[in-house]
Amino acid sequence: MNIKILFRTASLLSAIMICLSACLKKDLPEYPLFDGNEITLVSAEHRFNTGRMMNGQPVVGYQKLTTASQIDKANGVINVSITVPGASGDFTAAEKTKVTQSNLWFYCNISTAATIKAINGTPSLGDPTNATKPLQFEVTAANGEKRTWTINITSFTN
């Protein structure tokens, strides 16, 4: 019995040592840190209760809104026009009338390896947002350089 335990323990320790010794810890190439801190695309959607249930929970539907952006890289300003598309599927005509500029969800494409943070009272991306006022975000590049971006909704058509 003791020989089996000793054999299993030795086998386990050997396997762990092999795994740990295979890790490359030096002589890795040095890559420059990305310096991009831009927002390259702004998108918006409307989220709503579809009226269906799944596992006892309401199913949330979403409708992507049509956006057109004008990006002023020099000043860190993005002007966005939003158009609500026609009704289809779960996004009924009645639901379309409920879409307002004061209750939208935004998401953005940002530079490679950058992070984005809402600032100055702007809700975080993924939270409902009142877009009747300018939205501000700070984008931090992988090298630590920060840039503030302001998103203005210049037109909203339902």
N, C-alpha and C. Protein backbone atom coordinates (compact mmCIF):
# COMPACT_ATOMS: atom_id res chain seq x y z
N MET A 1 0.83 -1.19 0.00
CA MET A 1 0.00 0.00 0.00
C MET A 1 0.87 1.25 0.00
N ASN A 2 1.87 1.29 0.86
CA ASN A 2 2.75 2.45 0.93
C ASN A 2 3.55 2.64 -0.34
N ILE A 3 3.89 1.55 -1.04
CA ILE A 3 4.64 1.64 -2.29
C ILE A 3 3.78 2.31 -3.36
N LYS A 4 2.47 2.01 -3.40
CA LYS A 4 1.57 2.64 -4.37
C LYS A 4 1.48 4.14 -4.12
N ILE A 5 1.36 4.54 -2.87
CA ILE A 5 1.27 5.97 -2.53
C ILE A 5 2.58 6.67 -2.89
N LEU A 6 3.70 6.05 -2.57
CA LEU A 6 5.01 6.61 -2.89
C LEU A 6 5.18 6.75 -4.39
N PHE A 7 4.77 5.74 -5.17
CA PHE A 7 4.88 5.78 -6.62
C PHE A 7 4.01 6.90 -7.20
N ARG A 8 2.77 7.04 -6.72
CA ARG A 8 1.87 8.08 -7.21
C ARG A 8 2.41 9.46 -6.88
N THR A 9 2.93 9.63 -5.68
CA THR A 9 3.48 10.92 -5.27
C THR A 9 4.69 11.27 -6.13
N ALA A 10 5.58 10.31 -6.36
CA ALA A 10 6.75 10.56 -7.19
C ALA A 10 6.34 10.89 -8.62
N SER A 11 5.35 10.20 -9.15
CA SER A 11 4.88 10.46 -10.50
C SER A 11 4.28 11.87 -10.61
N LEU A 12 3.49 12.26 -9.63
CA LEU A 12 2.87 13.58 -9.62
C LEU A 12 3.93 14.67 -9.54
N LEU A 13 4.90 14.51 -8.66
CA LEU A 13 5.97 15.50 -8.53
C LEU A 13 6.80 15.58 -9.81
N SER A 14 7.05 14.47 -10.44
CA SER A 14 7.80 14.47 -11.71
C SER A 14 7.03 15.22 -12.78
N ALA A 15 5.74 14.99 -12.86
CA ALA A 15 4.91 15.68 -13.86
C ALA A 15 4.90 17.18 -13.61
N ILE A 16 4.80 17.59 -12.37
CA ILE A 16 4.80 19.02 -12.03
C ILE A 16 6.14 19.63 -12.40
N MET A 17 7.24 18.95 -12.10
CA MET A 17 8.57 19.49 -12.41
C MET A 17 8.76 19.64 -13.92
N ILE A 18 8.26 18.67 -14.69
CA ILE A 18 8.37 18.75 -16.15
C ILE A 18 7.59 19.94 -16.67
N CYS A 19 6.38 20.13 -16.16
CA CYS A 19 5.55 21.26 -16.59
C CYS A 19 6.20 22.59 -16.25
N LEU A 20 6.73 22.72 -15.06
CA LEU A 20 7.33 23.98 -14.64
C LEU A 20 8.64 24.25 -15.36
N SER A 21 9.39 23.24 -15.69
CA SER A 21 10.68 23.45 -16.35
C SER A 21 10.50 23.81 -17.82
N ALA A 22 9.33 23.57 -18.38
CA ALA A 22 9.09 23.86 -19.78
C ALA A 22 8.73 25.32 -20.02
N CYS A 23 8.57 26.12 -18.97
CA CYS A 23 8.20 27.52 -19.13
C CYS A 23 9.41 28.34 -19.53
N LEU A 24 9.30 29.06 -20.63
CA LEU A 24 10.36 29.94 -21.09
C LEU A 24 10.30 31.22 -20.29
N LYS A 25 11.37 31.54 -19.58
CA LYS A 25 11.34 32.70 -18.70
C LYS A 25 12.36 33.75 -19.09
N LYS A 26 13.24 33.46 -20.05
CA LYS A 26 14.23 34.46 -20.45
C LYS A 26 14.43 34.38 -21.95
N ASP A 27 15.14 35.33 -22.46
CA ASP A 27 15.44 35.42 -23.88
C ASP A 27 14.18 35.59 -24.74
N LEU A 28 13.14 36.18 -24.17
CA LEU A 28 11.96 36.50 -24.95
C LEU A 28 12.24 37.78 -25.73
N PRO A 29 11.74 37.89 -26.96
CA PRO A 29 11.97 39.12 -27.71
C PRO A 29 11.24 40.29 -27.06
N GLU A 30 11.82 41.47 -27.13
CA GLU A 30 11.20 42.69 -26.59
C GLU A 30 10.38 43.33 -27.70
N TYR A 31 9.12 43.52 -27.44
CA TYR A 31 8.26 44.19 -28.40
C TYR A 31 7.92 45.58 -27.88
N PRO A 32 7.80 46.55 -28.76
CA PRO A 32 7.42 47.88 -28.30
C PRO A 32 5.96 47.87 -27.82
N LEU A 33 5.67 48.72 -26.84
CA LEU A 33 4.29 48.84 -26.37
C LEU A 33 3.50 49.64 -27.39
N PHE A 34 2.27 49.23 -27.64
CA PHE A 34 1.42 49.97 -28.56
C PHE A 34 1.17 51.36 -28.00
N ASP A 35 1.14 52.35 -28.89
CA ASP A 35 0.93 53.72 -28.43
C ASP A 35 -0.42 54.29 -28.89
N GLY A 36 -1.26 53.46 -29.48
CA GLY A 36 -2.56 53.93 -29.95
C GLY A 36 -3.54 54.14 -28.80
N ASN A 37 -4.21 55.30 -28.80
CA ASN A 37 -5.22 55.60 -27.79
C ASN A 37 -6.41 56.29 -28.46
N GLU A 38 -6.89 55.68 -29.53
CA GLU A 38 -7.97 56.27 -30.32
C GLU A 38 -9.26 55.46 -30.24
N ILE A 39 -10.35 56.15 -30.44
CA ILE A 39 -11.64 55.50 -30.69
C ILE A 39 -11.82 55.54 -32.19
N THR A 40 -12.03 54.38 -32.80
CA THR A 40 -12.11 54.31 -34.25
C THR A 40 -13.53 54.06 -34.77
N LEU A 41 -14.45 53.70 -33.86
CA LEU A 41 -15.82 53.45 -34.28
C LEU A 41 -16.74 53.56 -33.06
N VAL A 42 -17.88 54.20 -33.25
CA VAL A 42 -18.89 54.31 -32.20
C VAL A 42 -20.17 53.66 -32.73
N SER A 43 -20.74 52.75 -31.94
CA SER A 43 -21.99 52.10 -32.31
C SER A 43 -22.97 52.22 -31.15
N ALA A 44 -24.26 52.09 -31.47
CA ALA A 44 -25.29 52.21 -30.44
C ALA A 44 -26.37 51.17 -30.68
N GLU A 45 -27.06 50.82 -29.60
CA GLU A 45 -28.17 49.88 -29.71
C GLU A 45 -29.24 50.22 -28.69
N HIS A 46 -30.43 49.70 -28.96
CA HIS A 46 -31.58 49.82 -28.05
C HIS A 46 -31.84 48.43 -27.49
N ARG A 47 -31.97 48.32 -26.17
CA ARG A 47 -32.26 47.03 -25.54
C ARG A 47 -33.67 47.07 -24.96
N PHE A 48 -34.35 45.91 -25.02
CA PHE A 48 -35.75 45.88 -24.59
C PHE A 48 -36.14 44.48 -24.16
N ASN A 49 -37.21 44.39 -23.39
CA ASN A 49 -37.77 43.12 -22.95
C ASN A 49 -38.62 42.57 -24.10
N THR A 50 -38.29 41.37 -24.56
CA THR A 50 -39.01 40.78 -25.70
C THR A 50 -40.39 40.23 -25.32
N GLY A 51 -40.64 40.07 -24.02
CA GLY A 51 -41.89 39.48 -23.59
C GLY A 51 -41.81 37.96 -23.47
N ARG A 52 -40.69 37.38 -23.89
CA ARG A 52 -40.49 35.93 -23.77
C ARG A 52 -39.71 35.65 -22.49
N MET A 53 -39.82 34.40 -22.02
CA MET A 53 -39.10 33.97 -20.83
C MET A 53 -38.21 32.79 -21.17
N MET A 54 -37.08 32.70 -20.49
CA MET A 54 -36.18 31.56 -20.62
C MET A 54 -35.61 31.27 -19.24
N ASN A 55 -35.79 30.05 -18.77
CA ASN A 55 -35.34 29.65 -17.43
C ASN A 55 -35.88 30.59 -16.35
N GLY A 56 -37.11 31.03 -16.52
CA GLY A 56 -37.75 31.90 -15.54
C GLY A 56 -37.30 33.35 -15.58
N GLN A 57 -36.50 33.72 -16.58
CA GLN A 57 -36.00 35.09 -16.69
C GLN A 57 -36.47 35.69 -18.01
N PRO A 58 -36.73 37.00 -18.02
CA PRO A 58 -37.14 37.64 -19.28
C PRO A 58 -35.99 37.67 -20.28
N VAL A 59 -36.31 37.49 -21.54
CA VAL A 59 -35.32 37.54 -22.61
C VAL A 59 -35.18 38.99 -23.06
N VAL A 60 -33.94 39.48 -23.04
CA VAL A 60 -33.66 40.84 -23.47
C VAL A 60 -33.31 40.82 -24.95
N GLY A 61 -33.97 41.67 -25.71
CA GLY A 61 -33.67 41.80 -27.13
C GLY A 61 -32.89 43.08 -27.35
N TYR A 62 -32.25 43.16 -28.48
CA TYR A 62 -31.54 44.40 -28.82
C TYR A 62 -31.70 44.69 -30.29
N GLN A 63 -31.67 45.97 -30.60
CA GLN A 63 -31.73 46.41 -31.98
C GLN A 63 -30.56 47.35 -32.23
N LYS A 64 -29.68 46.94 -33.13
CA LYS A 64 -28.55 47.80 -33.48
C LYS A 64 -29.08 49.01 -34.23
N LEU A 65 -28.59 50.17 -33.87
CA LEU A 65 -29.01 51.40 -34.51
C LEU A 65 -27.99 51.77 -35.59
N THR A 66 -28.45 52.44 -36.63
CA THR A 66 -27.56 52.86 -37.70
C THR A 66 -26.82 54.11 -37.25
N THR A 67 -25.49 54.06 -37.28
CA THR A 67 -24.69 55.21 -36.86
C THR A 67 -23.76 55.64 -37.98
N ALA A 68 -23.52 56.93 -38.04
CA ALA A 68 -22.52 57.50 -38.95
C ALA A 68 -21.68 58.47 -38.12
N SER A 69 -20.37 58.25 -38.14
CA SER A 69 -19.48 59.04 -37.28
C SER A 69 -18.54 59.91 -38.11
N GLN A 70 -18.29 61.10 -37.60
CA GLN A 70 -17.25 61.98 -38.13
C GLN A 70 -16.23 62.12 -37.01
N ILE A 71 -15.03 61.59 -37.23
CA ILE A 71 -14.00 61.56 -36.19
C ILE A 71 -12.99 62.67 -36.44
N ASP A 72 -12.84 63.55 -35.46
CA ASP A 72 -11.84 64.63 -35.48
C ASP A 72 -10.71 64.19 -34.55
N LYS A 73 -9.71 63.50 -35.11
CA LYS A 73 -8.61 62.96 -34.30
C LYS A 73 -7.81 64.07 -33.61
N ALA A 74 -7.65 65.19 -34.29
CA ALA A 74 -6.83 66.28 -33.74
C ALA A 74 -7.40 66.80 -32.43
N ASN A 75 -8.72 66.89 -32.34
CA ASN A 75 -9.37 67.45 -31.15
C ASN A 75 -10.00 66.40 -30.25
N GLY A 76 -9.96 65.14 -30.65
CA GLY A 76 -10.55 64.08 -29.83
C GLY A 76 -12.06 64.17 -29.73
N VAL A 77 -12.70 64.55 -30.85
CA VAL A 77 -14.15 64.71 -30.86
C VAL A 77 -14.74 63.81 -31.94
N ILE A 78 -15.83 63.13 -31.58
CA ILE A 78 -16.54 62.29 -32.54
C ILE A 78 -17.99 62.74 -32.57
N ASN A 79 -18.45 63.17 -33.74
CA ASN A 79 -19.84 63.55 -33.92
C ASN A 79 -20.56 62.39 -34.58
N VAL A 80 -21.67 61.98 -33.96
CA VAL A 80 -22.38 60.78 -34.40
C VAL A 80 -23.83 61.12 -34.71
N SER A 81 -24.28 60.64 -35.86
CA SER A 81 -25.72 60.71 -36.16
C SER A 81 -26.28 59.30 -36.05
N ILE A 82 -27.46 59.21 -35.44
CA ILE A 82 -28.09 57.91 -35.17
C ILE A 82 -29.46 57.87 -35.84
N THR A 83 -29.72 56.73 -36.51
CA THR A 83 -31.03 56.50 -37.13
C THR A 83 -31.55 55.16 -36.63
N VAL A 84 -32.80 55.16 -36.18
CA VAL A 84 -33.44 53.94 -35.72
C VAL A 84 -34.00 53.22 -36.95
N PRO A 85 -33.64 51.94 -37.15
CA PRO A 85 -34.15 51.21 -38.32
C PRO A 85 -35.62 50.85 -38.17
N GLY A 86 -36.18 50.34 -39.24
CA GLY A 86 -37.58 49.93 -39.23
C GLY A 86 -37.82 48.70 -38.35
N ALA A 87 -39.07 48.51 -38.01
CA ALA A 87 -39.46 47.38 -37.16
C ALA A 87 -39.28 46.07 -37.92
N SER A 88 -38.85 45.04 -37.16
CA SER A 88 -38.77 43.69 -37.72
C SER A 88 -38.57 42.71 -36.56
N GLY A 89 -39.18 41.53 -36.67
CA GLY A 89 -39.04 40.51 -35.64
C GLY A 89 -39.53 40.99 -34.28
N ASP A 90 -38.71 40.75 -33.25
CA ASP A 90 -39.06 41.19 -31.89
C ASP A 90 -39.09 42.71 -31.76
N PHE A 91 -38.39 43.40 -32.66
CA PHE A 91 -38.35 44.87 -32.63
C PHE A 91 -39.57 45.38 -33.39
N THR A 92 -40.68 45.46 -32.66
CA THR A 92 -41.97 45.82 -33.25
C THR A 92 -42.08 47.33 -33.44
N ALA A 93 -43.12 47.73 -34.15
CA ALA A 93 -43.38 49.16 -34.35
C ALA A 93 -43.63 49.84 -33.00
N ALA A 94 -44.32 49.15 -32.09
CA ALA A 94 -44.56 49.71 -30.75
C ALA A 94 -43.25 49.89 -30.00
N GLU A 95 -42.33 48.92 -30.13
CA GLU A 95 -41.03 49.04 -29.46
C GLU A 95 -40.19 50.14 -30.10
N LYS A 96 -40.31 50.30 -31.40
CA LYS A 96 -39.55 51.35 -32.11
C LYS A 96 -39.90 52.73 -31.57
N THR A 97 -41.17 52.94 -31.23
CA THR A 97 -41.57 54.25 -30.71
C THR A 97 -40.96 54.54 -29.33
N LYS A 98 -40.51 53.51 -28.64
CA LYS A 98 -39.91 53.69 -27.30
C LYS A 98 -38.44 54.07 -27.34
N VAL A 99 -37.81 54.00 -28.51
CA VAL A 99 -36.38 54.32 -28.61
C VAL A 99 -36.19 55.82 -28.48
N THR A 100 -35.39 56.21 -27.48
CA THR A 100 -35.10 57.62 -27.26
C THR A 100 -33.60 57.82 -27.12
N GLN A 101 -33.18 59.02 -27.38
CA GLN A 101 -31.76 59.37 -27.26
C GLN A 101 -31.29 59.34 -25.81
N SER A 102 -32.22 59.36 -24.87
CA SER A 102 -31.84 59.39 -23.45
C SER A 102 -31.71 58.01 -22.83
N ASN A 103 -31.82 56.94 -23.65
CA ASN A 103 -31.72 55.58 -23.10
C ASN A 103 -31.14 54.63 -24.15
N LEU A 104 -29.84 54.81 -24.44
CA LEU A 104 -29.16 54.00 -25.44
C LEU A 104 -27.97 53.29 -24.82
N TRP A 105 -27.51 52.23 -25.46
CA TRP A 105 -26.31 51.51 -25.05
C TRP A 105 -25.27 51.73 -26.14
N PHE A 106 -24.06 52.12 -25.73
CA PHE A 106 -22.99 52.39 -26.68
C PHE A 106 -21.88 51.37 -26.54
N TYR A 107 -21.17 51.15 -27.63
CA TYR A 107 -19.92 50.39 -27.61
C TYR A 107 -19.00 50.99 -28.66
N CYS A 108 -17.69 50.82 -28.46
CA CYS A 108 -16.70 51.47 -29.30
C CYS A 108 -15.60 50.50 -29.69
N ASN A 109 -15.00 50.75 -30.83
CA ASN A 109 -13.75 50.09 -31.21
C ASN A 109 -12.63 51.04 -30.81
N ILE A 110 -11.60 50.50 -30.16
CA ILE A 110 -10.47 51.31 -29.73
C ILE A 110 -9.18 50.71 -30.25
N SER A 111 -8.09 51.44 -30.10
CA SER A 111 -6.78 50.99 -30.57
C SER A 111 -6.39 49.66 -29.92
N THR A 112 -5.53 48.91 -30.60
CA THR A 112 -5.04 47.63 -30.11
C THR A 112 -4.38 47.79 -28.75
N ALA A 113 -4.73 46.93 -27.81
CA ALA A 113 -4.15 46.85 -26.46
C ALA A 113 -4.47 48.06 -25.59
N ALA A 114 -5.37 48.92 -26.03
CA ALA A 114 -5.77 50.08 -25.23
C ALA A 114 -6.93 49.71 -24.31
N THR A 115 -7.17 50.57 -23.31
CA THR A 115 -8.33 50.41 -22.43
C THR A 115 -9.14 51.69 -22.51
N ILE A 116 -10.42 51.58 -22.14
CA ILE A 116 -11.31 52.74 -22.20
C ILE A 116 -12.05 52.85 -20.88
N LYS A 117 -12.22 54.10 -20.43
CA LYS A 117 -12.90 54.35 -19.16
C LYS A 117 -13.79 55.58 -19.33
N ALA A 118 -15.04 55.47 -18.85
CA ALA A 118 -15.95 56.61 -18.87
C ALA A 118 -15.49 57.63 -17.82
N ILE A 119 -15.59 58.92 -18.15
CA ILE A 119 -15.18 59.97 -17.21
C ILE A 119 -16.22 61.08 -17.18
N ASN A 120 -16.11 61.93 -16.17
CA ASN A 120 -16.94 63.14 -16.03
C ASN A 120 -18.44 62.83 -16.04
N GLY A 121 -18.84 61.77 -15.35
CA GLY A 121 -20.26 61.45 -15.20
C GLY A 121 -20.86 60.63 -16.32
N THR A 122 -20.09 60.29 -17.33
CA THR A 122 -20.59 59.44 -18.41
C THR A 122 -20.70 58.01 -17.89
N PRO A 123 -21.82 57.33 -18.13
CA PRO A 123 -21.93 55.92 -17.71
C PRO A 123 -20.91 55.05 -18.46
N SER A 124 -20.53 53.96 -17.85
CA SER A 124 -19.60 53.02 -18.49
C SER A 124 -20.24 52.41 -19.72
N LEU A 125 -19.40 52.03 -20.68
CA LEU A 125 -19.90 51.32 -21.85
C LEU A 125 -20.58 50.04 -21.36
N GLY A 126 -21.71 49.72 -21.94
CA GLY A 126 -22.47 48.55 -21.52
C GLY A 126 -23.59 48.90 -20.56
N ASP A 127 -23.63 50.14 -20.10
CA ASP A 127 -24.72 50.62 -19.25
C ASP A 127 -25.60 51.56 -20.06
N PRO A 128 -26.89 51.67 -19.72
CA PRO A 128 -27.75 52.61 -20.44
C PRO A 128 -27.22 54.03 -20.28
N THR A 129 -27.31 54.80 -21.37
CA THR A 129 -26.68 56.12 -21.39
C THR A 129 -27.63 57.17 -21.91
N ASN A 130 -27.62 58.32 -21.26
CA ASN A 130 -28.36 59.49 -21.74
C ASN A 130 -27.45 60.23 -22.71
N ALA A 131 -27.73 60.11 -23.99
CA ALA A 131 -26.87 60.71 -25.01
C ALA A 131 -27.36 62.08 -25.47
N THR A 132 -28.18 62.74 -24.63
CA THR A 132 -28.60 64.09 -24.96
C THR A 132 -27.53 65.11 -24.59
N LYS A 133 -26.50 64.65 -23.91
CA LYS A 133 -25.37 65.51 -23.55
C LYS A 133 -24.09 64.81 -24.00
N PRO A 134 -22.99 65.55 -24.15
CA PRO A 134 -21.74 64.93 -24.60
C PRO A 134 -21.27 63.81 -23.66
N LEU A 135 -20.71 62.77 -24.26
CA LEU A 135 -20.17 61.63 -23.52
C LEU A 135 -18.65 61.73 -23.56
N GLN A 136 -18.00 61.47 -22.42
CA GLN A 136 -16.54 61.58 -22.40
C GLN A 136 -15.90 60.27 -21.93
N PHE A 137 -14.85 59.90 -22.63
CA PHE A 137 -14.12 58.67 -22.33
C PHE A 137 -12.62 58.96 -22.36
N GLU A 138 -11.91 58.25 -21.51
CA GLU A 138 -10.45 58.32 -21.51
C GLU A 138 -9.92 57.00 -22.05
N VAL A 139 -9.14 57.08 -23.11
CA VAL A 139 -8.54 55.89 -23.72
C VAL A 139 -7.06 55.89 -23.36
N THR A 140 -6.61 54.78 -22.76
CA THR A 140 -5.22 54.64 -22.34
C THR A 140 -4.54 53.61 -23.22
N ALA A 141 -3.45 54.03 -23.88
CA ALA A 141 -2.67 53.13 -24.73
C ALA A 141 -1.89 52.16 -23.85
N ALA A 142 -1.38 51.10 -24.44
CA ALA A 142 -0.60 50.10 -23.71
C ALA A 142 0.66 50.72 -23.10
N ASN A 143 1.17 51.79 -23.72
CA ASN A 143 2.37 52.43 -23.18
C ASN A 143 2.05 53.47 -22.10
N GLY A 144 0.77 53.60 -21.74
CA GLY A 144 0.36 54.49 -20.65
C GLY A 144 -0.13 55.86 -21.09
N GLU A 145 0.03 56.22 -22.35
CA GLU A 145 -0.43 57.53 -22.82
C GLU A 145 -1.96 57.57 -22.83
N LYS A 146 -2.50 58.66 -22.27
CA LYS A 146 -3.96 58.82 -22.15
C LYS A 146 -4.46 59.91 -23.08
N ARG A 147 -5.70 59.73 -23.52
CA ARG A 147 -6.34 60.73 -24.37
C ARG A 147 -7.82 60.77 -24.05
N THR A 148 -8.36 61.97 -23.94
CA THR A 148 -9.78 62.15 -23.68
C THR A 148 -10.52 62.33 -25.00
N TRP A 149 -11.62 61.61 -25.14
CA TRP A 149 -12.47 61.70 -26.31
C TRP A 149 -13.86 62.16 -25.90
N THR A 150 -14.46 63.02 -26.71
CA THR A 150 -15.83 63.48 -26.48
C THR A 150 -16.70 63.01 -27.64
N ILE A 151 -17.80 62.37 -27.31
CA ILE A 151 -18.76 61.88 -28.33
C ILE A 151 -20.01 62.73 -28.23
N ASN A 152 -20.36 63.36 -29.33
CA ASN A 152 -21.57 64.18 -29.42
C ASN A 152 -22.55 63.52 -30.37
N ILE A 153 -23.79 63.39 -29.94
CA ILE A 153 -24.83 62.90 -30.84
C ILE A 153 -25.41 64.13 -31.52
N THR A 154 -25.10 64.28 -32.81
CA THR A 154 -25.50 65.49 -33.53
C THR A 154 -26.88 65.38 -34.16
N SER A 155 -27.34 64.14 -34.40
CA SER A 155 -28.72 63.97 -34.89
C SER A 155 -29.22 62.60 -34.45
N PHE A 156 -30.53 62.56 -34.18
CA PHE A 156 -31.19 61.33 -33.76
C PHE A 156 -32.52 61.26 -34.49
N THR A 157 -32.67 60.24 -35.33
CA THR A 157 -33.89 60.10 -36.13
C THR A 157 -34.56 58.78 -35.80
N ASN A 158 -35.82 58.88 -35.35
CA ASN A 158 -36.56 57.65 -35.06
C ASN A 158 -37.60 57.47 -36.16
